[in-house]
């Protein structure tokens, strides 16, 4: 048994390296094929604009995985462990940014390519409680024949918390989701006997887990997530207290702002890049600089 701690693929910095680095093409191709339910000719990760943080004090890049396949079609894959109430809006925003980058000045709109966003969530998405662990979304005409308006917009949502109790179901996509949830699971060990790419993903995860720098990075990221959750809880409690004095609406508003500022202060202490702080808290650069 390894003496090192096996890293969790659910942690975004681990997921990003596992599926987003050049060299992971075969692993990512197999996984994406099972999500889309179709064969893919080729996967290109060389244009992936994701930067992996090399040191604790270095800059931390975007942690999504961007995959270009079959020439120009693109997929944005995000691993999300922190609950976000605005996730549907976020997914549309991610899709629109990726879709818009597919056309150059002077080109016609029909040259835009199919663009897909995939969310892998550790928590249940609000409003999808009665649906399965894998849902696919497109623009569909509502009143008549349910005709799809365009095949160029596609969103897949995978909710890991819904796979519990499905250990005996035969579905390779489930094999991958069980691996992401718990690489040591019995189902994963059995699936690796028949799935070469899943076995390679497990081997890469073990190699990553042996790296001291990757262990430090994973620890830092886990701590940041715990701190964020703790500060959010504190902000909610303070917001309630303020609301009792100044009214519920005003109290919640001030509590949310204080919550963001407290998160930003902790990130500044950790010398995080200001762009990452802006992304995670929603504060402006000016608001963050005032906290120093």
C-alpha atoms as a PDB file:
ATOM      1  CA  UNK A   1       0.000   0.000   0.000  1.00  0.00           C
ATOM      2  CA  UNK A   2       1.347   3.501  -0.800  1.00  0.00           C
ATOM      3  CA  UNK A   3       2.484   5.622   2.127  1.00  0.00           C
ATOM      4  CA  UNK A   4       1.304   8.800   0.441  1.00  0.00           C
ATOM      5  CA  UNK A   5      -2.240  10.132   0.645  1.00  0.00           C
ATOM      6  CA  UNK A   6      -4.179   9.351  -2.525  1.00  0.00           C
ATOM      7  CA  UNK A   7      -5.465  12.614  -3.944  1.00  0.00           C
ATOM      8  CA  UNK A   8      -9.160  13.029  -4.680  1.00  0.00           C
ATOM      9  CA  UNK A   9     -10.138  13.494  -8.346  1.00  0.00           C
ATOM     10  CA  UNK A  10     -13.045  15.612  -7.054  1.00  0.00           C
ATOM     11  CA  UNK A  11     -10.590  18.344  -6.077  1.00  0.00           C
ATOM     12  CA  UNK A  12     -10.493  20.750  -9.023  1.00  0.00           C
ATOM     13  CA  UNK A  13      -6.688  21.102  -9.097  1.00  0.00           C
ATOM     14  CA  UNK A  14      -6.388  17.306  -9.280  1.00  0.00           C
ATOM     15  CA  UNK A  15      -9.223  16.885 -11.798  1.00  0.00           C
ATOM     16  CA  UNK A  16      -7.742  19.565 -14.038  1.00  0.00           C
ATOM     17  CA  UNK A  17      -4.361  17.897 -14.202  1.00  0.00           C
ATOM     18  CA  UNK A  18      -5.781  14.394 -14.508  1.00  0.00           C
ATOM     19  CA  UNK A  19      -7.979  15.180 -17.518  1.00  0.00           C
ATOM     20  CA  UNK A  20      -6.614  18.481 -18.861  1.00  0.00           C
ATOM     21  CA  UNK A  21      -2.884  18.012 -19.287  1.00  0.00           C
ATOM     22  CA  UNK A  22      -1.274  17.123 -22.589  1.00  0.00           C
ATOM     23  CA  UNK A  23      -0.620  13.401 -22.337  1.00  0.00           C
ATOM     24  CA  UNK A  24      -4.096  12.643 -20.963  1.00  0.00           C
ATOM     25  CA  UNK A  25      -5.746  12.566 -24.386  1.00  0.00           C
ATOM     26  CA  UNK A  26      -6.679   8.866 -24.341  1.00  0.00           C
ATOM     27  CA  UNK A  27      -8.062   9.085 -20.809  1.00  0.00           C
ATOM     28  CA  UNK A  28     -10.089  12.197 -21.559  1.00  0.00           C
ATOM     29  CA  UNK A  29     -11.300  10.881 -24.918  1.00  0.00           C
ATOM     30  CA  UNK A  30     -12.757   7.725 -23.347  1.00  0.00           C
ATOM     31  CA  UNK A  31     -14.402   9.665 -20.511  1.00  0.00           C
ATOM     32  CA  UNK A  32     -15.915  12.288 -22.801  1.00  0.00           C
ATOM     33  CA  UNK A  33     -17.214   9.629 -25.207  1.00  0.00           C
ATOM     34  CA  UNK A  34     -19.175   8.058 -22.359  1.00  0.00           C
ATOM     35  CA  UNK A  35     -20.620  11.426 -21.360  1.00  0.00           C
ATOM     36  CA  UNK A  36     -21.714  12.310 -24.895  1.00  0.00           C
ATOM     37  CA  UNK A  37     -22.726   8.781 -25.874  1.00  0.00           C
ATOM     38  CA  UNK A  38     -20.813   8.987 -29.153  1.00  0.00           C
ATOM     39  CA  UNK A  39     -17.423   8.151 -30.582  1.00  0.00           C
ATOM     40  CA  UNK A  40     -14.856  10.917 -30.978  1.00  0.00           C
ATOM     41  CA  UNK A  41     -12.176  10.884 -33.680  1.00  0.00           C
ATOM     42  CA  UNK A  42      -9.545  12.770 -31.728  1.00  0.00           C
ATOM     43  CA  UNK A  43      -9.005  14.921 -28.657  1.00  0.00           C
ATOM     44  CA  UNK A  44      -6.673  17.901 -28.504  1.00  0.00           C
ATOM     45  CA  UNK A  45      -5.572  19.314 -25.142  1.00  0.00           C
ATOM     46  CA  UNK A  46      -2.683  21.381 -26.512  1.00  0.00           C
ATOM     47  CA  UNK A  47      -4.827  24.495 -26.853  1.00  0.00           C
ATOM     48  CA  UNK A  48      -6.165  24.110 -23.340  1.00  0.00           C
ATOM     49  CA  UNK A  49      -5.829  27.582 -21.750  1.00  0.00           C
ATOM     50  CA  UNK A  50      -5.633  26.123 -18.250  1.00  0.00           C
ATOM     51  CA  UNK A  51      -2.591  26.941 -16.158  1.00  0.00           C
ATOM     52  CA  UNK A  52      -1.587  24.652 -13.306  1.00  0.00           C
ATOM     53  CA  UNK A  53      -0.237  26.376 -10.215  1.00  0.00           C
ATOM     54  CA  UNK A  54       3.331  25.180  -9.731  1.00  0.00           C
ATOM     55  CA  UNK A  55       4.018  26.688  -6.297  1.00  0.00           C
ATOM     56  CA  UNK A  56       1.911  27.703  -3.341  1.00  0.00           C
ATOM     57  CA  UNK A  57       2.702  31.363  -4.007  1.00  0.00           C
ATOM     58  CA  UNK A  58       2.411  31.156  -7.788  1.00  0.00           C
ATOM     59  CA  UNK A  59      -0.561  32.193  -9.858  1.00  0.00           C
ATOM     60  CA  UNK A  60      -3.472  29.776 -10.004  1.00  0.00           C
ATOM     61  CA  UNK A  61      -5.053  29.494 -13.438  1.00  0.00           C
ATOM     62  CA  UNK A  62      -8.572  28.599 -14.474  1.00  0.00           C
ATOM     63  CA  UNK A  63      -9.299  25.085 -13.273  1.00  0.00           C
ATOM     64  CA  UNK A  64     -11.834  23.940 -15.860  1.00  0.00           C
ATOM     65  CA  UNK A  65     -10.813  21.443 -18.524  1.00  0.00           C
ATOM     66  CA  UNK A  66     -11.279  22.646 -22.098  1.00  0.00           C
ATOM     67  CA  UNK A  67     -11.227  19.910 -24.722  1.00  0.00           C
ATOM     68  CA  UNK A  68     -11.152  20.443 -28.486  1.00  0.00           C
ATOM     69  CA  UNK A  69     -12.375  17.410 -30.405  1.00  0.00           C
ATOM     70  CA  UNK A  70     -12.974  16.401 -34.016  1.00  0.00           C
ATOM     71  CA  UNK A  71     -11.161  19.472 -35.274  1.00  0.00           C
ATOM     72  CA  UNK A  72     -12.980  22.499 -33.822  1.00  0.00           C
ATOM     73  CA  UNK A  73     -15.806  21.323 -31.572  1.00  0.00           C
ATOM     74  CA  UNK A  74     -15.192  22.248 -27.941  1.00  0.00           C
ATOM     75  CA  UNK A  75     -16.141  21.006 -24.495  1.00  0.00           C
ATOM     76  CA  UNK A  76     -15.717  22.822 -21.200  1.00  0.00           C
ATOM     77  CA  UNK A  77     -15.638  20.332 -18.294  1.00  0.00           C
ATOM     78  CA  UNK A  78     -15.925  21.653 -14.751  1.00  0.00           C
ATOM     79  CA  UNK A  79     -15.569  19.759 -11.475  1.00  0.00           C
ATOM     80  CA  UNK A  80     -17.563  21.575  -8.787  1.00  0.00           C
ATOM     81  CA  UNK A  81     -17.410  20.668  -5.092  1.00  0.00           C
ATOM     82  CA  UNK A  82     -18.580  23.984  -3.639  1.00  0.00           C
ATOM     83  CA  UNK A  83     -22.342  24.538  -3.783  1.00  0.00           C
ATOM     84  CA  UNK A  84     -23.423  27.396  -6.057  1.00  0.00           C
ATOM     85  CA  UNK A  85     -27.067  28.465  -6.188  1.00  0.00           C
ATOM     86  CA  UNK A  86     -26.568  30.177  -9.549  1.00  0.00           C
ATOM     87  CA  UNK A  87     -25.103  27.177 -11.368  1.00  0.00           C
ATOM     88  CA  UNK A  88     -27.552  27.137 -14.341  1.00  0.00           C
ATOM     89  CA  UNK A  89     -26.681  30.770 -15.060  1.00  0.00           C
ATOM     90  CA  UNK A  90     -22.986  30.016 -14.688  1.00  0.00           C
ATOM     91  CA  UNK A  91     -23.205  27.129 -17.154  1.00  0.00           C
ATOM     92  CA  UNK A  92     -24.865  29.311 -19.780  1.00  0.00           C
ATOM     93  CA  UNK A  93     -22.203  31.954 -19.255  1.00  0.00           C
ATOM     94  CA  UNK A  94     -19.385  29.395 -19.631  1.00  0.00           C
ATOM     95  CA  UNK A  95     -21.021  28.077 -22.796  1.00  0.00           C
ATOM     96  CA  UNK A  96     -21.473  31.541 -24.321  1.00  0.00           C
ATOM     97  CA  UNK A  97     -17.851  32.495 -23.753  1.00  0.00           C
ATOM     98  CA  UNK A  98     -16.534  29.281 -25.297  1.00  0.00           C
ATOM     99  CA  UNK A  99     -19.020  29.459 -28.198  1.00  0.00           C
ATOM    100  CA  UNK A 100     -18.155  33.076 -28.980  1.00  0.00           C
ATOM    101  CA  UNK A 101     -14.466  32.285 -29.223  1.00  0.00           C
ATOM    102  CA  UNK A 102     -15.206  29.949 -32.124  1.00  0.00           C
ATOM    103  CA  UNK A 103     -15.614  32.723 -34.686  1.00  0.00           C
ATOM    104  CA  UNK A 104     -13.093  35.222 -35.974  1.00  0.00           C
ATOM    105  CA  UNK A 105     -13.741  38.730 -37.260  1.00  0.00           C
ATOM    106  CA  UNK A 106     -15.164  38.587 -40.767  1.00  0.00           C
ATOM    107  CA  UNK A 107     -16.380  35.002 -40.498  1.00  0.00           C
ATOM    108  CA  UNK A 108     -20.029  34.039 -40.896  1.00  0.00           C
ATOM    109  CA  UNK A 109     -22.136  32.764 -38.008  1.00  0.00           C
ATOM    110  CA  UNK A 110     -22.702  29.328 -39.576  1.00  0.00           C
ATOM    111  CA  UNK A 111     -18.974  28.703 -39.063  1.00  0.00           C
ATOM    112  CA  UNK A 112     -19.526  28.538 -35.304  1.00  0.00           C
ATOM    113  CA  UNK A 113     -19.012  24.986 -34.069  1.00  0.00           C
ATOM    114  CA  UNK A 114     -20.892  22.754 -31.660  1.00  0.00           C
ATOM    115  CA  UNK A 115     -19.993  23.756 -28.119  1.00  0.00           C
ATOM    116  CA  UNK A 116     -20.643  21.670 -25.008  1.00  0.00           C
ATOM    117  CA  UNK A 117     -20.434  22.396 -21.299  1.00  0.00           C
ATOM    118  CA  UNK A 118     -20.151  19.527 -18.813  1.00  0.00           C
ATOM    119  CA  UNK A 119     -20.659  20.045 -15.081  1.00  0.00           C
ATOM    120  CA  UNK A 120     -19.624  17.300 -12.676  1.00  0.00           C
ATOM    121  CA  UNK A 121     -21.101  18.253  -9.324  1.00  0.00           C
ATOM    122  CA  UNK A 122     -20.552  16.685  -5.918  1.00  0.00           C
ATOM    123  CA  UNK A 123     -23.816  18.184  -4.658  1.00  0.00           C
ATOM    124  CA  UNK A 124     -27.417  18.067  -5.880  1.00  0.00           C
ATOM    125  CA  UNK A 125     -28.396  20.880  -8.233  1.00  0.00           C
ATOM    126  CA  UNK A 126     -31.442  22.838  -7.110  1.00  0.00           C
ATOM    127  CA  UNK A 127     -34.460  22.062  -9.268  1.00  0.00           C
ATOM    128  CA  UNK A 128     -33.077  18.738 -10.546  1.00  0.00           C
ATOM    129  CA  UNK A 129     -33.872  16.678  -7.457  1.00  0.00           C
ATOM    130  CA  UNK A 130     -36.252  14.310  -9.285  1.00  0.00           C
ATOM    131  CA  UNK A 131     -33.966  13.707 -12.265  1.00  0.00           C
ATOM    132  CA  UNK A 132     -31.207  11.147 -12.777  1.00  0.00           C
ATOM    133  CA  UNK A 133     -27.481  11.486 -12.180  1.00  0.00           C
ATOM    134  CA  UNK A 134     -26.865  12.443 -15.843  1.00  0.00           C
ATOM    135  CA  UNK A 135     -29.040  14.994 -17.621  1.00  0.00           C
ATOM    136  CA  UNK A 136     -28.572  16.549 -21.064  1.00  0.00           C
ATOM    137  CA  UNK A 137     -29.928  19.987 -21.971  1.00  0.00           C
ATOM    138  CA  UNK A 138     -30.618  21.693 -25.300  1.00  0.00           C
ATOM    139  CA  UNK A 139     -32.884  24.416 -26.685  1.00  0.00           C
ATOM    140  CA  UNK A 140     -36.175  22.699 -27.534  1.00  0.00           C
ATOM    141  CA  UNK A 141     -39.463  24.068 -28.881  1.00  0.00           C
ATOM    142  CA  UNK A 142     -41.913  23.788 -26.003  1.00  0.00           C
ATOM    143  CA  UNK A 143     -45.456  23.777 -27.459  1.00  0.00           C
ATOM    144  CA  UNK A 144     -45.399  21.586 -30.515  1.00  0.00           C
ATOM    145  CA  UNK A 145     -43.097  18.814 -31.707  1.00  0.00           C
ATOM    146  CA  UNK A 146     -40.296  19.408 -29.165  1.00  0.00           C
ATOM    147  CA  UNK A 147     -37.977  20.128 -32.089  1.00  0.00           C
ATOM    148  CA  UNK A 148     -34.375  21.024 -31.203  1.00  0.00           C
ATOM    149  CA  UNK A 149     -33.514  24.536 -32.361  1.00  0.00           C
ATOM    150  CA  UNK A 150     -29.784  23.889 -32.793  1.00  0.00           C
ATOM    151  CA  UNK A 151     -27.325  21.102 -32.103  1.00  0.00           C
ATOM    152  CA  UNK A 152     -24.597  23.631 -31.346  1.00  0.00           C
ATOM    153  CA  UNK A 153     -25.702  24.194 -27.740  1.00  0.00           C
ATOM    154  CA  UNK A 154     -25.409  21.256 -25.357  1.00  0.00           C
ATOM    155  CA  UNK A 155     -25.082  21.083 -21.580  1.00  0.00           C
ATOM    156  CA  UNK A 156     -24.489  17.919 -19.554  1.00  0.00           C
ATOM    157  CA  UNK A 157     -24.917  17.802 -15.769  1.00  0.00           C
ATOM    158  CA  UNK A 158     -23.514  14.862 -13.790  1.00  0.00           C
ATOM    159  CA  UNK A 159     -24.444  14.739 -10.091  1.00  0.00           C
ATOM    160  CA  UNK A 160     -22.100  12.429  -8.191  1.00  0.00           C
ATOM    161  CA  UNK A 161     -24.269  12.337  -5.076  1.00  0.00           C
ATOM    162  CA  UNK A 162     -26.937  10.504  -7.122  1.00  0.00           C
ATOM    163  CA  UNK A 163     -24.757   7.496  -8.017  1.00  0.00           C
ATOM    164  CA  UNK A 164     -25.038   5.949  -4.545  1.00  0.00           C
ATOM    165  CA  UNK A 165     -26.989   2.702  -4.709  1.00  0.00           C
ATOM    166  CA  UNK A 166     -26.085   2.156  -8.377  1.00  0.00           C
ATOM    167  CA  UNK A 167     -22.990   0.013  -7.728  1.00  0.00           C
ATOM    168  CA  UNK A 168     -24.483  -2.949  -9.615  1.00  0.00           C
ATOM    169  CA  UNK A 169     -25.747  -1.046 -12.668  1.00  0.00           C
ATOM    170  CA  UNK A 170     -23.802  -1.706 -15.866  1.00  0.00           C
ATOM    171  CA  UNK A 171     -22.803   1.637 -17.317  1.00  0.00           C
ATOM    172  CA  UNK A 172     -19.232   2.675 -18.102  1.00  0.00           C
ATOM    173  CA  UNK A 173     -20.044   6.310 -17.359  1.00  0.00           C
ATOM    174  CA  UNK A 174     -20.889   5.161 -13.831  1.00  0.00           C
ATOM    175  CA  UNK A 175     -17.450   3.500 -13.644  1.00  0.00           C
ATOM    176  CA  UNK A 176     -15.836   6.879 -14.300  1.00  0.00           C
ATOM    177  CA  UNK A 177     -18.065   8.691 -11.825  1.00  0.00           C
ATOM    178  CA  UNK A 178     -17.343   6.118  -9.120  1.00  0.00           C
ATOM    179  CA  UNK A 179     -13.628   6.604  -9.861  1.00  0.00           C
ATOM    180  CA  UNK A 180     -13.952  10.376  -9.442  1.00  0.00           C
ATOM    181  CA  UNK A 181     -15.938   9.893  -6.246  1.00  0.00           C
ATOM    182  CA  UNK A 182     -13.712   7.196  -4.734  1.00  0.00           C
ATOM    183  CA  UNK A 183     -10.794   5.698  -6.730  1.00  0.00           C
ATOM    184  CA  UNK A 184     -10.445   2.918  -4.123  1.00  0.00           C
ATOM    185  CA  UNK A 185     -14.006   1.642  -4.563  1.00  0.00           C
ATOM    186  CA  UNK A 186     -14.466  -2.059  -5.308  1.00  0.00           C
ATOM    187  CA  UNK A 187     -16.425  -1.232  -8.469  1.00  0.00           C
ATOM    188  CA  UNK A 188     -13.488   0.832  -9.746  1.00  0.00           C
ATOM    189  CA  UNK A 189     -11.000  -1.990  -9.125  1.00  0.00           C
ATOM    190  CA  UNK A 190     -13.198  -4.378 -11.064  1.00  0.00           C
ATOM    191  CA  UNK A 191     -13.837  -1.909 -13.905  1.00  0.00           C
ATOM    192  CA  UNK A 192     -10.100  -1.298 -14.410  1.00  0.00           C
ATOM    193  CA  UNK A 193      -9.681  -4.944 -15.435  1.00  0.00           C
ATOM    194  CA  UNK A 194     -11.694  -4.239 -18.606  1.00  0.00           C
ATOM    195  CA  UNK A 195     -11.054  -0.512 -19.080  1.00  0.00           C
ATOM    196  CA  UNK A 196      -7.476   0.343 -20.040  1.00  0.00           C
ATOM    197  CA  UNK A 197      -8.058   4.107 -19.972  1.00  0.00           C
ATOM    198  CA  UNK A 198      -9.602   3.974 -16.503  1.00  0.00           C
ATOM    199  CA  UNK A 199      -6.581   1.997 -15.320  1.00  0.00           C
ATOM    200  CA  UNK A 200      -4.272   4.631 -16.840  1.00  0.00           C
ATOM    201  CA  UNK A 201      -6.238   7.371 -15.076  1.00  0.00           C
ATOM    202  CA  UNK A 202      -5.760   5.528 -11.792  1.00  0.00           C
ATOM    203  CA  UNK A 203      -2.038   5.106 -12.463  1.00  0.00           C
ATOM    204  CA  UNK A 204      -1.676   8.806 -13.216  1.00  0.00           C
ATOM    205  CA  UNK A 205      -3.580   9.697 -10.050  1.00  0.00           C
ATOM    206  CA  UNK A 206      -1.200   7.556  -8.002  1.00  0.00           C
ATOM    207  CA  UNK A 207       1.824   9.156  -9.677  1.00  0.00           C
ATOM    208  CA  UNK A 208       0.448  12.629  -8.984  1.00  0.00           C
ATOM    209  CA  UNK A 209      -0.231  11.666  -5.388  1.00  0.00           C
ATOM    210  CA  UNK A 210       3.443  10.790  -4.869  1.00  0.00           C
ATOM    211  CA  UNK A 211       4.542  14.314  -5.842  1.00  0.00           C
ATOM    212  CA  UNK A 212       5.266  16.457  -2.805  1.00  0.00           C
ATOM    213  CA  UNK A 213       4.358  19.654  -4.642  1.00  0.00           C
ATOM    214  CA  UNK A 214       1.019  18.238  -5.776  1.00  0.00           C
ATOM    215  CA  UNK A 215       0.258  17.131  -2.233  1.00  0.00           C
ATOM    216  CA  UNK A 216       0.966  20.661  -0.966  1.00  0.00           C
ATOM    217  CA  UNK A 217      -1.176  22.171  -3.693  1.00  0.00           C
ATOM    218  CA  UNK A 218      -4.064  19.824  -2.927  1.00  0.00           C
ATOM    219  CA  UNK A 219      -3.763  20.627   0.792  1.00  0.00           C
ATOM    220  CA  UNK A 220      -3.798  24.350   0.039  1.00  0.00           C
ATOM    221  CA  UNK A 221      -6.842  24.015  -2.202  1.00  0.00           C
ATOM    222  CA  UNK A 222      -8.756  21.916   0.330  1.00  0.00           C
ATOM    223  CA  UNK A 223      -7.959  24.444   3.037  1.00  0.00           C
ATOM    224  CA  UNK A 224      -9.109  27.316   0.827  1.00  0.00           C
ATOM    225  CA  UNK A 225     -12.431  25.540   0.232  1.00  0.00           C
ATOM    226  CA  UNK A 226     -12.890  24.858   3.953  1.00  0.00           C
ATOM    227  CA  UNK A 227     -12.027  28.467   4.797  1.00  0.00           C
ATOM    228  CA  UNK A 228     -14.478  29.721   2.196  1.00  0.00           C
ATOM    229  CA  UNK A 229     -17.245  27.524   3.599  1.00  0.00           C
ATOM    230  CA  UNK A 230     -16.422  28.618   7.142  1.00  0.00           C
ATOM    231  CA  UNK A 231     -16.430  32.294   6.263  1.00  0.00           C
ATOM    232  CA  UNK A 232     -19.706  31.888   4.386  1.00  0.00           C
ATOM    233  CA  UNK A 233     -21.240  30.329   7.455  1.00  0.00           C
ATOM    234  CA  UNK A 234     -19.924  33.138   9.603  1.00  0.00           C
ATOM    235  CA  UNK A 235     -21.208  35.688   7.122  1.00  0.00           C
ATOM    236  CA  UNK A 236     -24.663  34.163   7.183  1.00  0.00           C
ATOM    237  CA  UNK A 237     -24.739  34.212  10.971  1.00  0.00           C
ATOM    238  CA  UNK A 238     -23.539  37.794  11.115  1.00  0.00           C
ATOM    239  CA  UNK A 239     -26.010  38.723   8.410  1.00  0.00           C
ATOM    240  CA  UNK A 240     -28.836  37.341  10.504  1.00  0.00           C
ATOM    241  CA  UNK A 241     -27.627  39.256  13.547  1.00  0.00           C
ATOM    242  CA  UNK A 242     -27.415  42.481  11.595  1.00  0.00           C
ATOM    243  CA  UNK A 243     -30.816  41.761  10.072  1.00  0.00           C
ATOM    244  CA  UNK A 244     -32.357  41.589  13.515  1.00  0.00           C
ATOM    245  CA  UNK A 245     -31.142  45.125  14.156  1.00  0.00           C
ATOM    246  CA  UNK A 246     -31.594  46.791  10.797  1.00  0.00           C
ATOM    247  CA  UNK A 247     -34.162  44.652   9.078  1.00  0.00           C
ATOM    248  CA  UNK A 248     -33.918  41.336   7.311  1.00  0.00           C
ATOM    249  CA  UNK A 249     -33.157  42.621   3.814  1.00  0.00           C
ATOM    250  CA  UNK A 250     -30.475  45.074   4.845  1.00  0.00           C
ATOM    251  CA  UNK A 251     -28.912  42.544   7.180  1.00  0.00           C
ATOM    252  CA  UNK A 252     -28.598  39.840   4.543  1.00  0.00           C
ATOM    253  CA  UNK A 253     -27.105  42.315   2.104  1.00  0.00           C
ATOM    254  CA  UNK A 254     -24.470  43.507   4.564  1.00  0.00           C
ATOM    255  CA  UNK A 255     -23.783  39.946   5.667  1.00  0.00           C
ATOM    256  CA  UNK A 256     -23.068  38.833   2.115  1.00  0.00           C
ATOM    257  CA  UNK A 257     -20.732  41.762   1.549  1.00  0.00           C
ATOM    258  CA  UNK A 258     -18.889  41.075   4.789  1.00  0.00           C
ATOM    259  CA  UNK A 259     -18.696  37.408   3.847  1.00  0.00           C
ATOM    260  CA  UNK A 260     -17.005  38.291   0.562  1.00  0.00           C
ATOM    261  CA  UNK A 261     -14.602  40.697   2.265  1.00  0.00           C
ATOM    262  CA  UNK A 262     -13.609  38.135   4.888  1.00  0.00           C
ATOM    263  CA  UNK A 263     -12.932  35.553   2.177  1.00  0.00           C
ATOM    264  CA  UNK A 264     -10.866  38.099   0.244  1.00  0.00           C
ATOM    265  CA  UNK A 265      -8.845  39.022   3.368  1.00  0.00           C
ATOM    266  CA  UNK A 266      -7.906  35.399   3.946  1.00  0.00           C
ATOM    267  CA  UNK A 267      -6.922  34.975   0.302  1.00  0.00           C
ATOM    268  CA  UNK A 268      -4.767  38.115   0.471  1.00  0.00           C
ATOM    269  CA  UNK A 269      -2.983  36.690   3.492  1.00  0.00           C
ATOM    270  CA  UNK A 270      -2.290  33.574   1.411  1.00  0.00           C
ATOM    271  CA  UNK A 271      -0.890  35.870  -1.328  1.00  0.00           C
ATOM    272  CA  UNK A 272      -3.382  34.622  -3.882  1.00  0.00           C
ATOM    273  CA  UNK A 273      -3.482  36.334  -7.257  1.00  0.00           C
ATOM    274  CA  UNK A 274      -5.958  39.233  -7.243  1.00  0.00           C
ATOM    275  CA  UNK A 275      -7.697  37.948 -10.392  1.00  0.00           C
ATOM    276  CA  UNK A 276      -8.511  34.670  -8.641  1.00  0.00           C
ATOM    277  CA  UNK A 277      -9.827  36.588  -5.619  1.00  0.00           C
ATOM    278  CA  UNK A 278     -12.082  38.629  -7.915  1.00  0.00           C
ATOM    279  CA  UNK A 279     -13.377  35.434  -9.554  1.00  0.00           C
ATOM    280  CA  UNK A 280     -14.117  33.635  -6.270  1.00  0.00           C
ATOM    281  CA  UNK A 281     -15.622  36.555  -4.334  1.00  0.00           C
ATOM    282  CA  UNK A 282     -17.211  38.742  -6.995  1.00  0.00           C
ATOM    283  CA  UNK A 283     -15.509  41.806  -5.492  1.00  0.00           C
ATOM    284  CA  UNK A 284     -13.959  44.436  -7.725  1.00  0.00           C
ATOM    285  CA  UNK A 285     -10.233  45.047  -7.822  1.00  0.00           C
ATOM    286  CA  UNK A 286     -10.742  48.359  -6.022  1.00  0.00           C
ATOM    287  CA  UNK A 287     -12.771  46.730  -3.236  1.00  0.00           C
ATOM    288  CA  UNK A 288     -10.086  44.091  -2.730  1.00  0.00           C
ATOM    289  CA  UNK A 289      -7.212  46.573  -2.664  1.00  0.00           C
ATOM    290  CA  UNK A 290      -8.969  48.527   0.104  1.00  0.00           C
ATOM    291  CA  UNK A 291      -8.776  45.431   2.327  1.00  0.00           C
ATOM    292  CA  UNK A 292      -4.961  45.348   2.315  1.00  0.00           C
END
